[in-house]
Amino acid sequence: MTALIVWLTIFPLVAIFSTLLGPVMIDWHPVLRALVLTLVVVPIAAYWLMPQMFRWYGAWARRRAMRRAGKPAQ
């Protein structure tokens, strides 16, 4: 599940920022484009989106476990 959550966080960010930054970086060397893209995407994912995604998953998993145990969700 962790890999899916990471992918669901990273893929949209890469798609969005490569679309936004693509016209600016069209003549750049591919390694430099990758460097700039990861310098933008990784901090956003690591410090903002990934923690939120794991909180949402944790809340969903707890509710699901309570339902399976027959206890009311809180």
Protein backbone atom coordinates (compact mmCIF):
# COMPACT_ATOMS: atom_id res chain seq x y z
CA MET A 1 0.00 0.00 0.00
CA THR A 2 2.90 2.34 0.73
CA ALA A 3 4.15 2.17 -2.86
CA LEU A 4 0.67 3.02 -4.15
CA ILE A 5 0.38 6.02 -1.84
CA VAL A 6 3.83 7.24 -2.89
CA TRP A 7 2.95 6.82 -6.56
CA LEU A 8 -0.41 8.58 -6.12
CA THR A 9 1.48 11.49 -4.59
CA ILE A 10 4.46 11.69 -6.94
CA PHE A 11 2.87 11.02 -10.34
CA PRO A 12 0.42 13.95 -10.33
CA LEU A 13 3.13 16.31 -9.09
CA VAL A 14 5.55 15.22 -11.81
CA ALA A 15 2.84 15.49 -14.46
CA ILE A 16 1.73 18.95 -13.31
CA PHE A 17 5.18 20.45 -12.87
CA SER A 18 6.63 18.93 -16.03
CA THR A 19 3.70 20.44 -17.95
CA LEU A 20 4.14 23.83 -16.27
CA LEU A 21 7.94 23.93 -16.48
CA GLY A 22 8.30 22.08 -19.78
CA PRO A 23 8.14 25.14 -22.07
CA VAL A 24 10.75 26.94 -19.96
CA MET A 25 13.12 23.94 -19.91
CA ILE A 26 12.65 22.67 -23.48
CA ASP A 27 16.25 23.37 -24.55
CA TRP A 28 17.83 22.22 -21.28
CA HIS A 29 19.88 19.05 -20.94
CA PRO A 30 17.62 16.18 -19.74
CA VAL A 31 19.65 15.71 -16.55
CA LEU A 32 19.26 19.39 -15.67
CA ARG A 33 15.51 19.19 -16.35
CA ALA A 34 15.26 16.15 -14.06
CA LEU A 35 17.29 17.94 -11.38
CA VAL A 36 15.07 21.03 -11.41
CA LEU A 37 11.88 18.96 -11.53
CA THR A 38 12.94 16.86 -8.54
CA LEU A 39 14.09 19.95 -6.64
CA VAL A 40 10.52 21.23 -6.93
CA VAL A 41 8.53 17.98 -6.57
CA VAL A 42 10.36 16.15 -3.78
CA PRO A 43 10.03 18.81 -1.05
CA ILE A 44 6.35 19.34 -1.87
CA ALA A 45 5.72 15.61 -1.73
CA ALA A 46 7.88 14.85 1.31
CA TYR A 47 6.89 17.70 3.59
CA TRP A 48 3.32 18.45 2.58
CA LEU A 49 1.48 15.87 0.50
CA MET A 50 2.89 12.53 1.68
CA PRO A 51 2.16 13.16 5.37
CA GLN A 52 -1.38 14.18 4.43
CA MET A 53 -1.85 11.12 2.23
CA PHE A 54 -0.68 8.79 5.04
CA ARG A 55 -2.99 10.54 7.54
CA TRP A 56 -5.92 9.99 5.18
CA TYR A 57 -4.93 6.37 4.67
CA GLY A 58 -4.53 5.84 8.43
CA ALA A 59 -7.98 7.29 9.13
CA TRP A 60 -9.52 5.17 6.40
CA ALA A 61 -7.76 2.02 7.64
CA ARG A 62 -8.90 2.63 11.24
CA ARG A 63 -12.52 3.14 10.16
CA ARG A 64 -12.35 -0.01 8.06
CA ALA A 65 -10.87 -2.03 10.94
CA MET A 66 -13.57 -0.78 13.33
CA ARG A 67 -16.31 -1.71 10.89
CA ARG A 68 -14.86 -5.18 10.48
CA ALA A 69 -14.65 -5.56 14.27
CA GLY A 70 -18.28 -4.45 14.61
CA LYS A 71 -17.48 -1.30 16.55
CA PRO A 72 -18.95 2.10 15.72
CA ALA A 73 -16.57 4.51 13.95
CA GLN A 74 -15.41 7.56 15.89
